[in-house]
Amino acid sequence: MYTYNILINRWIDGDSVNVDIDLGFNIIIKNQVIRLKGIDTPELRPRYADYTQADGSIDESARNEKIHQAKIALEFVKSIAPEGMTFIGTTSKANPDSFGRWLLNFKINDKLISEHIIDAGFSD
C-alpha cells in the first residue's frame, strides 16, 4: 500500500477530484485527477446514448434526474471533504484506470470517504 498527503484542489464530480499529491522529499505532483476507489456516483454529463429509447428519442426526464442526483452527490462530497483541505490518501495499485486517473481513497474521521458516500446513498 502507498500513502500520500493529498490536497484537494477541485471536485469534478462525486467520485473524481483534482488534487496535488505530496510524494515526500519536496516532490509534489500538481493538478492530478484521481478517482475514488470502490465507488461509482452519477455522472454530471451522462452520455445521451445511455438514454436513447427504441424509437431513437432521448429520455430527457431520466437523463435530467441523473444529472440532478450527480449534483447532489457533488455537493455532498464538497461538504465532507472541502476544496483546500489536506488528507492522507492511500492506494494499493500503482497503475491508472482506463481514463488515466489514479485510484485512491482517503479517510475522514477514521472512515473512508467512499464509505461516507455509500452510506449517504450516492453509490453502491
Foldseek 3Di string as FASTA:
>chain_A
DDKWKWAFAAAPWLFKTFIWTDPDPPDIDHRAIAGEPPWDFQDLDDDQVVQQDPVRDGPVVVVVVSNVLGVVSRVVCCVQRNHGDIFMKDDPDPAADPVRHHHIWTDDPNHIVRVVSVVVPRTD
